[in-house]
Amino acid sequence: MSRNTIAIAALAAVAIGALATSADAHPKLTYISPATDVPSKASPTEIKLNFSEGVIAKFSGLELKDEAGKSVAIGVPVNDPADQRQLVVPLPRPLTAGRYTVMWHAVSQDTHHVKGEYSFEVAH
């Protein structure tokens, strides 16, 4: 093998490694509102999920359930116009006191899909 062939092969291996590393990146949930560890004194008007990278609202969303496991009506998820990393889901009606579970899913702008869940409490 010539010196040029070895150099090209080494460069190709480094480039493929770099691409694999960036391709493995997934959006990470960085902030939630309402918070999981602080009971809300008033019903929230929306649920906000912030991610480490931009998400596509029309392919992302959540399901909200009350303590009994019954689904709670939510609005259509949208991105914050000023920050594509933030998914905002309006709540059309006030929530009653109790614990709620949020089961969310998000698709990043580079099409990676992630999901998770958390709970919060409303204590009027």
PDB file of N, CA and C in Angstrom:
ATOM      1  N   MET A   1       0.832  -1.174   0.000  1.00  0.00           N
ATOM      2  CA  MET A   1       0.000   0.000   0.000  1.00  0.00           C
ATOM      3  C   MET A   1       0.877   1.239   0.000  1.00  0.00           C
ATOM      4  N   SER A   2       0.499   2.194  -0.807  1.00  0.00           N
ATOM      5  CA  SER A   2       1.291   3.416  -0.861  1.00  0.00           C
ATOM      6  C   SER A   2       0.986   4.295   0.345  1.00  0.00           C
ATOM      7  N   ARG A   3       1.862   5.232   0.586  1.00  0.00           N
ATOM      8  CA  ARG A   3       1.698   6.158   1.698  1.00  0.00           C
ATOM      9  C   ARG A   3       0.418   6.987   1.532  1.00  0.00           C
ATOM     10  N   ASN A   4       0.101   7.388   0.287  1.00  0.00           N
ATOM     11  CA  ASN A   4      -1.119   8.163   0.025  1.00  0.00           C
ATOM     12  C   ASN A   4      -2.375   7.338   0.311  1.00  0.00           C
ATOM     13  N   THR A   5      -2.359   6.071  -0.046  1.00  0.00           N
ATOM     14  CA  THR A   5      -3.511   5.205   0.203  1.00  0.00           C
ATOM     15  C   THR A   5      -3.750   5.049   1.695  1.00  0.00           C
ATOM     16  N   ILE A   6      -2.697   4.882   2.456  1.00  0.00           N
ATOM     17  CA  ILE A   6      -2.818   4.749   3.911  1.00  0.00           C
ATOM     18  C   ILE A   6      -3.352   6.045   4.512  1.00  0.00           C
ATOM     19  N   ALA A   7      -2.856   7.171   4.041  1.00  0.00           N
ATOM     20  CA  ALA A   7      -3.307   8.472   4.548  1.00  0.00           C
ATOM     21  C   ALA A   7      -4.787   8.681   4.231  1.00  0.00           C
ATOM     22  N   ILE A   8      -5.205   8.331   3.029  1.00  0.00           N
ATOM     23  CA  ILE A   8      -6.611   8.494   2.643  1.00  0.00           C
ATOM     24  C   ILE A   8      -7.489   7.564   3.478  1.00  0.00           C
ATOM     25  N   ALA A   9      -7.063   6.328   3.703  1.00  0.00           N
ATOM     26  CA  ALA A   9      -7.831   5.381   4.516  1.00  0.00           C
ATOM     27  C   ALA A   9      -7.962   5.881   5.949  1.00  0.00           C
ATOM     28  N   ALA A  10      -6.885   6.419   6.502  1.00  0.00           N
ATOM     29  CA  ALA A  10      -6.922   6.945   7.870  1.00  0.00           C
ATOM     30  C   ALA A  10      -7.855   8.142   7.964  1.00  0.00           C
ATOM     31  N   LEU A  11      -7.803   9.033   6.993  1.00  0.00           N
ATOM     32  CA  LEU A  11      -8.674  10.201   6.971  1.00  0.00           C
ATOM     33  C   LEU A  11     -10.134   9.779   6.852  1.00  0.00           C
ATOM     34  N   ALA A  12     -10.414   8.785   6.017  1.00  0.00           N
ATOM     35  CA  ALA A  12     -11.779   8.284   5.857  1.00  0.00           C
ATOM     36  C   ALA A  12     -12.295   7.689   7.165  1.00  0.00           C
ATOM     37  N   ALA A  13     -11.452   6.946   7.876  1.00  0.00           N
ATOM     38  CA  ALA A  13     -11.858   6.351   9.149  1.00  0.00           C
ATOM     39  C   ALA A  13     -12.190   7.428  10.180  1.00  0.00           C
ATOM     40  N   VAL A  14     -11.396   8.476  10.230  1.00  0.00           N
ATOM     41  CA  VAL A  14     -11.654   9.584  11.153  1.00  0.00           C
ATOM     42  C   VAL A  14     -12.968  10.274  10.791  1.00  0.00           C
ATOM     43  N   ALA A  15     -13.215  10.507   9.513  1.00  0.00           N
ATOM     44  CA  ALA A  15     -14.445  11.168   9.067  1.00  0.00           C
ATOM     45  C   ALA A  15     -15.667  10.318   9.396  1.00  0.00           C
ATOM     46  N   ILE A  16     -15.595   9.019   9.170  1.00  0.00           N
ATOM     47  CA  ILE A  16     -16.720   8.127   9.474  1.00  0.00           C
ATOM     48  C   ILE A  16     -16.966   8.112  10.980  1.00  0.00           C
ATOM     49  N   GLY A  17     -15.923   8.088  11.777  1.00  0.00           N
ATOM     50  CA  GLY A  17     -16.072   8.125  13.231  1.00  0.00           C
ATOM     51  C   GLY A  17     -16.743   9.405  13.697  1.00  0.00           C
ATOM     52  N   ALA A  18     -16.375  10.514  13.105  1.00  0.00           N
ATOM     53  CA  ALA A  18     -16.977  11.799  13.478  1.00  0.00           C
ATOM     54  C   ALA A  18     -18.451  11.830  13.104  1.00  0.00           C
ATOM     55  N   LEU A  19     -18.785  11.305  11.936  1.00  0.00           N
ATOM     56  CA  LEU A  19     -20.179  11.271  11.516  1.00  0.00           C
ATOM     57  C   LEU A  19     -20.998  10.355  12.415  1.00  0.00           C
ATOM     58  N   ALA A  20     -20.461   9.221  12.781  1.00  0.00           N
ATOM     59  CA  ALA A  20     -21.186   8.294  13.646  1.00  0.00           C
ATOM     60  C   ALA A  20     -21.451   8.917  15.011  1.00  0.00           C
ATOM     61  N   THR A  21     -20.506   9.656  15.539  1.00  0.00           N
ATOM     62  CA  THR A  21     -20.678  10.301  16.835  1.00  0.00           C
ATOM     63  C   THR A  21     -21.784  11.342  16.774  1.00  0.00           C
ATOM     64  N   SER A  22     -21.796  12.189  15.752  1.00  0.00           N
ATOM     65  CA  SER A  22     -22.830  13.216  15.673  1.00  0.00           C
ATOM     66  C   SER A  22     -24.176  12.613  15.320  1.00  0.00           C
ATOM     67  N   ALA A  23     -24.193  11.522  14.568  1.00  0.00           N
ATOM     68  CA  ALA A  23     -25.454  10.896  14.201  1.00  0.00           C
ATOM     69  C   ALA A  23     -26.099  10.197  15.388  1.00  0.00           C
ATOM     70  N   ASP A  24     -25.310   9.811  16.388  1.00  0.00           N
ATOM     71  CA  ASP A  24     -25.850   9.141  17.557  1.00  0.00           C
ATOM     72  C   ASP A  24     -26.460  10.120  18.557  1.00  0.00           C
ATOM     73  N   ALA A  25     -26.292  11.404  18.345  1.00  0.00           N
ATOM     74  CA  ALA A  25     -26.808  12.401  19.284  1.00  0.00           C
ATOM     75  C   ALA A  25     -28.333  12.424  19.230  1.00  0.00           C
ATOM     76  N   HIS A  26     -28.950  12.490  20.396  1.00  0.00           N
ATOM     77  CA  HIS A  26     -30.404  12.568  20.509  1.00  0.00           C
ATOM     78  C   HIS A  26     -30.747  13.782  21.351  1.00  0.00           C
ATOM     79  N   PRO A  27     -31.922  14.367  21.103  1.00  0.00           N
ATOM     80  CA  PRO A  27     -32.303  15.499  21.945  1.00  0.00           C
ATOM     81  C   PRO A  27     -32.521  15.031  23.379  1.00  0.00           C
ATOM     82  N   LYS A  28     -32.084  15.830  24.298  1.00  0.00           N
ATOM     83  CA  LYS A  28     -32.255  15.515  25.723  1.00  0.00           C
ATOM     84  C   LYS A  28     -33.184  16.551  26.338  1.00  0.00           C
ATOM     85  N   LEU A  29     -34.067  16.093  27.200  1.00  0.00           N
ATOM     86  CA  LEU A  29     -34.963  16.996  27.913  1.00  0.00           C
ATOM     87  C   LEU A  29     -34.137  17.770  28.931  1.00  0.00           C
ATOM     88  N   THR A  30     -34.161  19.102  28.852  1.00  0.00           N
ATOM     89  CA  THR A  30     -33.326  19.922  29.725  1.00  0.00           C
ATOM     90  C   THR A  30     -34.120  20.714  30.763  1.00  0.00           C
ATOM     91  N   TYR A  31     -35.435  20.906  30.530  1.00  0.00           N
ATOM     92  CA  TYR A  31     -36.249  21.724  31.444  1.00  0.00           C
ATOM     93  C   TYR A  31     -37.711  21.354  31.239  1.00  0.00           C
ATOM     94  N   ILE A  32     -38.475  21.319  32.331  1.00  0.00           N
ATOM     95  CA  ILE A  32     -39.906  21.064  32.260  1.00  0.00           C
ATOM     96  C   ILE A  32     -40.660  22.077  33.110  1.00  0.00           C
ATOM     97  N   SER A  33     -41.847  22.411  32.651  1.00  0.00           N
ATOM     98  CA  SER A  33     -42.731  23.282  33.421  1.00  0.00           C
ATOM     99  C   SER A  33     -44.161  22.836  33.138  1.00  0.00           C
ATOM    100  N   PRO A  34     -44.917  22.528  34.180  1.00  0.00           N
ATOM    101  CA  PRO A  34     -44.612  22.668  35.594  1.00  0.00           C
ATOM    102  C   PRO A  34     -43.568  21.654  36.063  1.00  0.00           C
ATOM    103  N   ALA A  35     -42.834  22.068  37.075  1.00  0.00           N
ATOM    104  CA  ALA A  35     -41.743  21.253  37.601  1.00  0.00           C
ATOM    105  C   ALA A  35     -42.274  20.035  38.345  1.00  0.00           C
ATOM    106  N   THR A  36     -41.470  19.002  38.372  1.00  0.00           N
ATOM    107  CA  THR A  36     -41.871  17.748  39.008  1.00  0.00           C
ATOM    108  C   THR A  36     -41.794  17.783  40.529  1.00  0.00           C
ATOM    109  N   ASP A  37     -40.936  18.594  41.093  1.00  0.00           N
ATOM    110  CA  ASP A  37     -40.705  18.535  42.540  1.00  0.00           C
ATOM    111  C   ASP A  37     -41.306  19.694  43.331  1.00  0.00           C
ATOM    112  N   VAL A  38     -42.040  20.579  42.675  1.00  0.00           N
ATOM    113  CA  VAL A  38     -42.629  21.732  43.357  1.00  0.00           C
ATOM    114  C   VAL A  38     -44.126  21.766  43.031  1.00  0.00           C
ATOM    115  N   PRO A  39     -44.999  21.477  44.028  1.00  0.00           N
ATOM    116  CA  PRO A  39     -46.438  21.521  43.749  1.00  0.00           C
ATOM    117  C   PRO A  39     -46.863  22.910  43.280  1.00  0.00           C
ATOM    118  N   SER A  40     -47.662  22.931  42.231  1.00  0.00           N
ATOM    119  CA  SER A  40     -48.168  24.182  41.666  1.00  0.00           C
ATOM    120  C   SER A  40     -49.340  24.660  42.515  1.00  0.00           C
ATOM    121  N   LYS A  41     -49.318  25.922  42.928  1.00  0.00           N
ATOM    122  CA  LYS A  41     -50.426  26.454  43.730  1.00  0.00           C
ATOM    123  C   LYS A  41     -51.627  26.788  42.855  1.00  0.00           C
ATOM    124  N   ALA A  42     -51.391  26.988  41.574  1.00  0.00           N
ATOM    125  CA  ALA A  42     -52.468  27.275  40.626  1.00  0.00           C
ATOM    126  C   ALA A  42     -52.326  26.330  39.439  1.00  0.00           C
ATOM    127  N   SER A  43     -53.423  26.143  38.756  1.00  0.00           N
ATOM    128  CA  SER A  43     -53.385  25.270  37.587  1.00  0.00           C
ATOM    129  C   SER A  43     -52.519  25.900  36.489  1.00  0.00           C
ATOM    130  N   PRO A  44     -51.602  25.126  35.913  1.00  0.00           N
ATOM    131  CA  PRO A  44     -50.817  25.674  34.804  1.00  0.00           C
ATOM    132  C   PRO A  44     -51.712  25.886  33.582  1.00  0.00           C
ATOM    133  N   THR A  45     -51.343  26.809  32.734  1.00  0.00           N
ATOM    134  CA  THR A  45     -52.091  27.045  31.498  1.00  0.00           C
ATOM    135  C   THR A  45     -51.447  26.344  30.309  1.00  0.00           C
ATOM    136  N   GLU A  46     -50.221  25.819  30.540  1.00  0.00           N
ATOM    137  CA  GLU A  46     -49.505  25.128  29.474  1.00  0.00           C
ATOM    138  C   GLU A  46     -48.425  24.243  30.089  1.00  0.00           C
ATOM    139  N   ILE A  47     -47.965  23.308  29.292  1.00  0.00           N
ATOM    140  CA  ILE A  47     -46.829  22.473  29.667  1.00  0.00           C
ATOM    141  C   ILE A  47     -45.707  22.816  28.701  1.00  0.00           C
ATOM    142  N   LYS A  48     -44.525  23.088  29.242  1.00  0.00           N
ATOM    143  CA  LYS A  48     -43.361  23.430  28.417  1.00  0.00           C
ATOM    144  C   LYS A  48     -42.283  22.370  28.601  1.00  0.00           C
ATOM    145  N   LEU A  49     -41.758  21.905  27.492  1.00  0.00           N
ATOM    146  CA  LEU A  49     -40.648  20.958  27.490  1.00  0.00           C
ATOM    147  C   LEU A  49     -39.520  21.576  26.679  1.00  0.00           C
ATOM    148  N   ASN A  50     -38.366  21.740  27.295  1.00  0.00           N
ATOM    149  CA  ASN A  50     -37.203  22.274  26.580  1.00  0.00           C
ATOM    150  C   ASN A  50     -36.235  21.132  26.313  1.00  0.00           C
ATOM    151  N   PHE A  51     -35.665  21.129  25.108  1.00  0.00           N
ATOM    152  CA  PHE A  51     -34.738  20.087  24.698  1.00  0.00           C
ATOM    153  C   PHE A  51     -33.386  20.675  24.350  1.00  0.00           C
ATOM    154  N   SER A  52     -32.401  19.802  24.253  1.00  0.00           N
ATOM    155  CA  SER A  52     -31.037  20.227  23.956  1.00  0.00           C
ATOM    156  C   SER A  52     -30.845  20.614  22.496  1.00  0.00           C
ATOM    157  N   GLU A  53     -31.822  20.292  21.657  1.00  0.00           N
ATOM    158  CA  GLU A  53     -31.778  20.679  20.245  1.00  0.00           C
ATOM    159  C   GLU A  53     -33.202  20.894  19.761  1.00  0.00           C
ATOM    160  N   GLY A  54     -33.345  21.474  18.580  1.00  0.00           N
ATOM    161  CA  GLY A  54     -34.661  21.771  18.043  1.00  0.00           C
ATOM    162  C   GLY A  54     -35.507  20.528  17.834  1.00  0.00           C
ATOM    163  N   VAL A  55     -36.824  20.656  18.068  1.00  0.00           N
ATOM    164  CA  VAL A  55     -37.759  19.559  17.846  1.00  0.00           C
ATOM    165  C   VAL A  55     -38.836  20.008  16.858  1.00  0.00           C
ATOM    166  N   ILE A  56     -39.474  19.032  16.228  1.00  0.00           N
ATOM    167  CA  ILE A  56     -40.532  19.297  15.251  1.00  0.00           C
ATOM    168  C   ILE A  56     -41.872  19.109  15.953  1.00  0.00           C
ATOM    169  N   ALA A  57     -42.600  20.204  16.147  1.00  0.00           N
ATOM    170  CA  ALA A  57     -43.843  20.165  16.924  1.00  0.00           C
ATOM    171  C   ALA A  57     -44.880  19.217  16.333  1.00  0.00           C
ATOM    172  N   LYS A  58     -45.027  19.176  15.012  1.00  0.00           N
ATOM    173  CA  LYS A  58     -46.088  18.342  14.441  1.00  0.00           C
ATOM    174  C   LYS A  58     -45.824  16.846  14.592  1.00  0.00           C
ATOM    175  N   PHE A  59     -44.599  16.451  14.932  1.00  0.00           N
ATOM    176  CA  PHE A  59     -44.281  15.053  15.181  1.00  0.00           C
ATOM    177  C   PHE A  59     -44.005  14.786  16.657  1.00  0.00           C
ATOM    178  N   SER A  60     -44.199  15.792  17.493  1.00  0.00           N
ATOM    179  CA  SER A  60     -43.914  15.691  18.924  1.00  0.00           C
ATOM    180  C   SER A  60     -45.192  15.981  19.703  1.00  0.00           C
ATOM    181  N   GLY A  61     -45.212  15.600  20.953  1.00  0.00           N
ATOM    182  CA  GLY A  61     -46.387  15.900  21.757  1.00  0.00           C
ATOM    183  C   GLY A  61     -46.353  15.183  23.077  1.00  0.00           C
ATOM    184  N   LEU A  62     -47.523  15.112  23.706  1.00  0.00           N
ATOM    185  CA  LEU A  62     -47.617  14.450  24.996  1.00  0.00           C
ATOM    186  C   LEU A  62     -49.034  13.988  25.249  1.00  0.00           C
ATOM    187  N   GLU A  63     -49.139  13.101  26.214  1.00  0.00           N
ATOM    188  CA  GLU A  63     -50.432  12.692  26.742  1.00  0.00           C
ATOM    189  C   GLU A  63     -50.404  13.031  28.223  1.00  0.00           C
ATOM    190  N   LEU A  64     -51.483  13.605  28.709  1.00  0.00           N
ATOM    191  CA  LEU A  64     -51.592  14.010  30.103  1.00  0.00           C
ATOM    192  C   LEU A  64     -52.661  13.148  30.764  1.00  0.00           C
ATOM    193  N   LYS A  65     -52.318  12.532  31.914  1.00  0.00           N
ATOM    194  CA  LYS A  65     -53.273  11.697  32.641  1.00  0.00           C
ATOM    195  C   LYS A  65     -53.367  12.155  34.085  1.00  0.00           C
ATOM    196  N   ASP A  66     -54.599  12.047  34.640  1.00  0.00           N
ATOM    197  CA  ASP A  66     -54.798  12.396  36.047  1.00  0.00           C
ATOM    198  C   ASP A  66     -54.446  11.207  36.937  1.00  0.00           C
ATOM    199  N   GLU A  67     -54.662  11.354  38.247  1.00  0.00           N
ATOM    200  CA  GLU A  67     -54.305  10.302  39.216  1.00  0.00           C
ATOM    201  C   GLU A  67     -54.994   8.969  38.933  1.00  0.00           C
ATOM    202  N   ALA A  68     -56.200   9.033  38.376  1.00  0.00           N
ATOM    203  CA  ALA A  68     -56.960   7.819  38.086  1.00  0.00           C
ATOM    204  C   ALA A  68     -56.542   7.188  36.755  1.00  0.00           C
ATOM    205  N   GLY A  69     -55.622   7.837  36.045  1.00  0.00           N
ATOM    206  CA  GLY A  69     -55.180   7.315  34.756  1.00  0.00           C
ATOM    207  C   GLY A  69     -56.046   7.753  33.595  1.00  0.00           C
ATOM    208  N   LYS A  70     -56.962   8.686  33.851  1.00  0.00           N
ATOM    209  CA  LYS A  70     -57.855   9.193  32.811  1.00  0.00           C
ATOM    210  C   LYS A  70     -57.147  10.287  32.008  1.00  0.00           C
ATOM    211  N   SER A  71     -57.268  10.226  30.689  1.00  0.00           N
ATOM    212  CA  SER A  71     -56.651  11.246  29.825  1.00  0.00           C
ATOM    213  C   SER A  71     -57.289  12.601  30.050  1.00  0.00           C
ATOM    214  N   VAL A  72     -56.454  13.631  30.031  1.00  0.00           N
ATOM    215  CA  VAL A  72     -56.883  15.014  30.212  1.00  0.00           C
ATOM    216  C   VAL A  72     -56.694  15.725  28.874  1.00  0.00           C
ATOM    217  N   ALA A  73     -57.688  16.526  28.485  1.00  0.00           N
ATOM    218  CA  ALA A  73     -57.629  17.245  27.206  1.00  0.00           C
ATOM    219  C   ALA A  73     -56.464  18.231  27.193  1.00  0.00           C
ATOM    220  N   ILE A  74     -55.774  18.268  26.061  1.00  0.00           N
ATOM    221  CA  ILE A  74     -54.670  19.214  25.860  1.00  0.00           C
ATOM    222  C   ILE A  74     -54.853  19.886  24.506  1.00  0.00           C
ATOM    223  N   GLY A  75     -54.115  20.975  24.294  1.00  0.00           N
ATOM    224  CA  GLY A  75     -54.137  21.659  23.017  1.00  0.00           C
ATOM    225  C   GLY A  75     -53.090  21.092  22.065  1.00  0.00           C
ATOM    226  N   VAL A  76     -52.963  21.731  20.925  1.00  0.00           N
ATOM    227  CA  VAL A  76     -52.017  21.305  19.895  1.00  0.00           C
ATOM    228  C   VAL A  76     -50.608  21.784  20.254  1.00  0.00           C
ATOM    229  N   PRO A  77     -49.624  20.878  20.263  1.00  0.00           N
ATOM    230  CA  PRO A  77     -48.243  21.269  20.566  1.00  0.00           C
ATOM    231  C   PRO A  77     -47.683  22.218  19.502  1.00  0.00           C
ATOM    232  N   VAL A  78     -46.947  23.219  19.944  1.00  0.00           N
ATOM    233  CA  VAL A  78     -46.292  24.161  19.030  1.00  0.00           C
ATOM    234  C   VAL A  78     -44.877  24.434  19.543  1.00  0.00           C
ATOM    235  N   ASN A  79     -44.033  24.871  18.638  1.00  0.00           N
ATOM    236  CA  ASN A  79     -42.710  25.349  19.049  1.00  0.00           C
ATOM    237  C   ASN A  79     -42.820  26.796  19.461  1.00  0.00           C
ATOM    238  N   ASP A  80     -42.026  27.192  20.440  1.00  0.00           N
ATOM    239  CA  ASP A  80     -41.901  28.610  20.769  1.00  0.00           C
ATOM    240  C   ASP A  80     -41.261  29.259  19.547  1.00  0.00           C
ATOM    241  N   PRO A  81     -41.873  30.296  18.973  1.00  0.00           N
ATOM    242  CA  PRO A  81     -41.308  30.925  17.772  1.00  0.00           C
ATOM    243  C   PRO A  81     -39.882  31.439  17.962  1.00  0.00           C
ATOM    244  N   ALA A  82     -39.529  31.767  19.195  1.00  0.00           N
ATOM    245  CA  ALA A  82     -38.186  32.290  19.463  1.00  0.00           C
ATOM    246  C   ALA A  82     -37.175  31.191  19.779  1.00  0.00           C
ATOM    247  N   ASP A  83     -37.658  29.949  19.994  1.00  0.00           N
ATOM    248  CA  ASP A  83     -36.744  28.877  20.377  1.00  0.00           C
ATOM    249  C   ASP A  83     -37.314  27.525  19.949  1.00  0.00           C
ATOM    250  N   GLN A  84     -36.810  26.977  18.875  1.00  0.00           N
ATOM    251  CA  GLN A  84     -37.301  25.704  18.337  1.00  0.00           C
ATOM    252  C   GLN A  84     -36.994  24.519  19.255  1.00  0.00           C
ATOM    253  N   ARG A  85     -36.205  24.750  20.303  1.00  0.00           N
ATOM    254  CA  ARG A  85     -35.914  23.696  21.275  1.00  0.00           C
ATOM    255  C   ARG A  85     -37.033  23.552  22.299  1.00  0.00           C
ATOM    256  N   GLN A  86     -37.977  24.501  22.315  1.00  0.00           N
ATOM    257  CA  GLN A  86     -39.044  24.480  23.308  1.00  0.00           C
ATOM    258  C   GLN A  86     -40.359  24.049  22.664  1.00  0.00           C
ATOM    259  N   LEU A  87     -40.974  23.018  23.259  1.00  0.00           N
ATOM    260  CA  LEU A  87     -42.284  22.537  22.841  1.00  0.00           C
ATOM    261  C   LEU A  87     -43.292  23.030  23.873  1.00  0.00           C
ATOM    262  N   VAL A  88     -44.341  23.702  23.406  1.00  0.00           N
ATOM    263  CA  VAL A  88     -45.352  24.276  24.292  1.00  0.00           C
ATOM    264  C   VAL A  88     -46.695  23.611  23.979  1.00  0.00           C
ATOM    265  N   VAL A  89     -47.324  23.062  25.021  1.00  0.00           N
ATOM    266  CA  VAL A  89     -48.617  22.392  24.859  1.00  0.00           C
ATOM    267  C   VAL A  89     -49.626  23.106  25.749  1.00  0.00           C
ATOM    268  N   PRO A  90     -50.603  23.810  25.141  1.00  0.00           N
ATOM    269  CA  PRO A  90     -51.599  24.533  25.932  1.00  0.00           C
ATOM    270  C   PRO A  90     -52.562  23.584  26.649  1.00  0.00           C
ATOM    271  N   LEU A  91     -53.042  24.018  27.802  1.00  0.00           N
ATOM    272  CA  LEU A  91     -54.074  23.286  28.541  1.00  0.00           C
ATOM    273  C   LEU A  91     -55.358  24.108  28.446  1.00  0.00           C
ATOM    274  N   PRO A  92     -56.360  23.614  27.726  1.00  0.00           N
ATOM    275  CA  PRO A  92     -57.565  24.410  27.477  1.00  0.00           C
ATOM    276  C   PRO A  92     -58.432  24.661  28.704  1.00  0.00           C
ATOM    277  N   ARG A  93     -58.333  23.788  29.719  1.00  0.00           N
ATOM    278  CA  ARG A  93     -59.138  23.954  30.935  1.00  0.00           C
ATOM    279  C   ARG A  93     -58.241  23.857  32.163  1.00  0.00           C
ATOM    280  N   PRO A  94     -58.621  24.549  33.237  1.00  0.00           N
ATOM    281  CA  PRO A  94     -57.836  24.444  34.476  1.00  0.00           C
ATOM    282  C   PRO A  94     -57.841  23.006  34.998  1.00  0.00           C
ATOM    283  N   LEU A  95     -56.726  22.619  35.591  1.00  0.00           N
ATOM    284  CA  LEU A  95     -56.602  21.294  36.193  1.00  0.00           C
ATOM    285  C   LEU A  95     -57.071  21.358  37.640  1.00  0.00           C
ATOM    286  N   THR A  96     -57.725  20.290  38.084  1.00  0.00           N
ATOM    287  CA  THR A  96     -58.127  20.213  39.489  1.00  0.00           C
ATOM    288  C   THR A  96     -56.916  19.787  40.315  1.00  0.00           C
ATOM    289  N   ALA A  97     -57.020  19.921  41.621  1.00  0.00           N
ATOM    290  CA  ALA A  97     -55.920  19.516  42.498  1.00  0.00           C
ATOM    291  C   ALA A  97     -55.653  18.024  42.329  1.00  0.00           C
ATOM    292  N   GLY A  98     -54.374  17.665  42.341  1.00  0.00           N
ATOM    293  CA  GLY A  98     -54.004  16.258  42.214  1.00  0.00           C
ATOM    294  C   GLY A  98     -52.679  16.096  41.493  1.00  0.00           C
ATOM    295  N   ARG A  99     -52.290  14.843  41.306  1.00  0.00           N
ATOM    296  CA  ARG A  99     -51.029  14.513  40.618  1.00  0.00           C
ATOM    297  C   ARG A  99     -51.354  14.125  39.189  1.00  0.00           C
ATOM    298  N   TYR A 100     -50.518  14.612  38.260  1.00  0.00           N
ATOM    299  CA  TYR A 100     -50.687  14.361  36.829  1.00  0.00           C
ATOM    300  C   TYR A 100     -49.414  13.746  36.260  1.00  0.00           C
ATOM    301  N   THR A 101     -49.597  12.867  35.288  1.00  0.00           N
ATOM    302  CA  THR A 101     -48.474  12.236  34.612  1.00  0.00           C
ATOM    303  C   THR A 101     -48.423  12.718  33.172  1.00  0.00           C
ATOM    304  N   VAL A 102     -47.240  13.118  32.749  1.00  0.00           N
ATOM    305  CA  VAL A 102     -46.991  13.573  31.385  1.00  0.00           C
ATOM    306  C   VAL A 102     -46.151  12.509  30.686  1.00  0.00           C
ATOM    307  N   MET A 103     -46.688  11.943  29.613  1.00  0.00           N
ATOM    308  CA  MET A 103     -45.939  10.997  28.780  1.00  0.00           C
ATOM    309  C   MET A 103     -45.656  11.714  27.465  1.00  0.00           C
ATOM    310  N   TRP A 104     -44.394  12.089  27.251  1.00  0.00           N
ATOM    311  CA  TRP A 104     -44.043  12.918  26.112  1.00  0.00           C
ATOM    312  C   TRP A 104     -43.220  12.136  25.088  1.00  0.00           C
ATOM    313  N   HIS A 105     -43.264  12.654  23.865  1.00  0.00           N
ATOM    314  CA  HIS A 105     -42.403  12.133  22.795  1.00  0.00           C
ATOM    315  C   HIS A 105     -41.985  13.319  21.935  1.00  0.00           C
ATOM    316  N   ALA A 106     -40.799  13.243  21.391  1.00  0.00           N
ATOM    317  CA  ALA A 106     -40.301  14.340  20.572  1.00  0.00           C
ATOM    318  C   ALA A 106     -39.463  13.794  19.424  1.00  0.00           C
ATOM    319  N   VAL A 107     -39.562  14.481  18.302  1.00  0.00           N
ATOM    320  CA  VAL A 107     -38.738  14.172  17.140  1.00  0.00           C
ATOM    321  C   VAL A 107     -37.877  15.399  16.880  1.00  0.00           C
ATOM    322  N   SER A 108     -36.563  15.189  16.894  1.00  0.00           N
ATOM    323  CA  SER A 108     -35.649  16.307  16.686  1.00  0.00           C
ATOM    324  C   SER A 108     -35.594  16.686  15.215  1.00  0.00           C
ATOM    325  N   GLN A 109     -35.012  17.826  14.930  1.00  0.00           N
ATOM    326  CA  GLN A 109     -34.910  18.302  13.554  1.00  0.00           C
ATOM    327  C   GLN A 109     -34.058  17.387  12.693  1.00  0.00           C
ATOM    328  N   ASP A 110     -33.209  16.561  13.312  1.00  0.00           N
ATOM    329  CA  ASP A 110     -32.455  15.585  12.524  1.00  0.00           C
ATOM    330  C   ASP A 110     -33.121  14.205  12.601  1.00  0.00           C
ATOM    331  N   THR A 111     -34.403  14.169  12.965  1.00  0.00           N
ATOM    332  CA  THR A 111     -35.323  13.020  12.954  1.00  0.00           C
ATOM    333  C   THR A 111     -35.090  11.976  14.044  1.00  0.00           C
ATOM    334  N   HIS A 112     -34.320  12.255  15.060  1.00  0.00           N
ATOM    335  CA  HIS A 112     -34.201  11.306  16.167  1.00  0.00           C
ATOM    336  C   HIS A 112     -35.446  11.389  17.036  1.00  0.00           C
ATOM    337  N   HIS A 113     -35.936  10.242  17.474  1.00  0.00           N
ATOM    338  CA  HIS A 113     -37.148  10.152  18.280  1.00  0.00           C
ATOM    339  C   HIS A 113     -36.773   9.785  19.715  1.00  0.00           C
ATOM    340  N   VAL A 114     -37.286  10.537  20.670  1.00  0.00           N
ATOM    341  CA  VAL A 114     -37.070  10.245  22.087  1.00  0.00           C
ATOM    342  C   VAL A 114     -38.408  10.339  22.806  1.00  0.00           C
ATOM    343  N   LYS A 115     -38.490   9.702  23.960  1.00  0.00           N
ATOM    344  CA  LYS A 115     -39.716   9.774  24.743  1.00  0.00           C
ATOM    345  C   LYS A 115     -39.384   9.602  26.217  1.00  0.00           C
ATOM    346  N   GLY A 116     -40.333   9.982  27.046  1.00  0.00           N
ATOM    347  CA  GLY A 116     -40.146   9.844  28.476  1.00  0.00           C
ATOM    348  C   GLY A 116     -41.414  10.232  29.210  1.00  0.00           C
ATOM    349  N   GLU A 117     -41.325  10.263  30.506  1.00  0.00           N
ATOM    350  CA  GLU A 117     -42.479  10.690  31.295  1.00  0.00           C
ATOM    351  C   GLU A 117     -42.017  11.295  32.610  1.00  0.00           C
ATOM    352  N   TYR A 118     -42.884  12.102  33.161  1.00  0.00           N
ATOM    353  CA  TYR A 118     -42.650  12.688  34.482  1.00  0.00           C
ATOM    354  C   TYR A 118     -44.014  13.041  35.068  1.00  0.00           C
ATOM    355  N   SER A 119     -44.036  13.393  36.333  1.00  0.00           N
ATOM    356  CA  SER A 119     -45.301  13.779  36.951  1.00  0.00           C
ATOM    357  C   SER A 119     -45.128  15.104  37.681  1.00  0.00           C
ATOM    358  N   PHE A 120     -46.254  15.768  37.876  1.00  0.00           N
ATOM    359  CA  PHE A 120     -46.272  17.016  38.636  1.00  0.00           C
ATOM    360  C   PHE A 120     -47.562  17.050  39.441  1.00  0.00           C
ATOM    361  N   GLU A 121     -47.589  17.971  40.393  1.00  0.00           N
ATOM    362  CA  GLU A 121     -48.749  18.073  41.274  1.00  0.00           C
ATOM    363  C   GLU A 121     -49.346  19.469  41.241  1.00  0.00           C
ATOM    364  N   VAL A 122     -50.672  19.521  41.230  1.00  0.00           N
ATOM    365  CA  VAL A 122     -51.393  20.782  41.370  1.00  0.00           C
ATOM    366  C   VAL A 122     -52.032  20.748  42.752  1.00  0.00           C
ATOM    367  N   ALA A 123     -51.696  21.707  43.583  1.00  0.00           N
ATOM    368  CA  ALA A 123     -52.220  21.770  44.966  1.00  0.00           C
ATOM    369  C   ALA A 123     -52.880  23.113  45.162  1.00  0.00           C
ATOM    370  N   HIS A 124     -54.163  23.207  44.814  1.00  0.00           N
ATOM    371  CA  HIS A 124     -54.904  24.474  44.948  1.00  0.00           C
ATOM    372  C   HIS A 124     -55.013  24.889  46.388  1.00  0.00           C
TER     373      HIS A 124
END
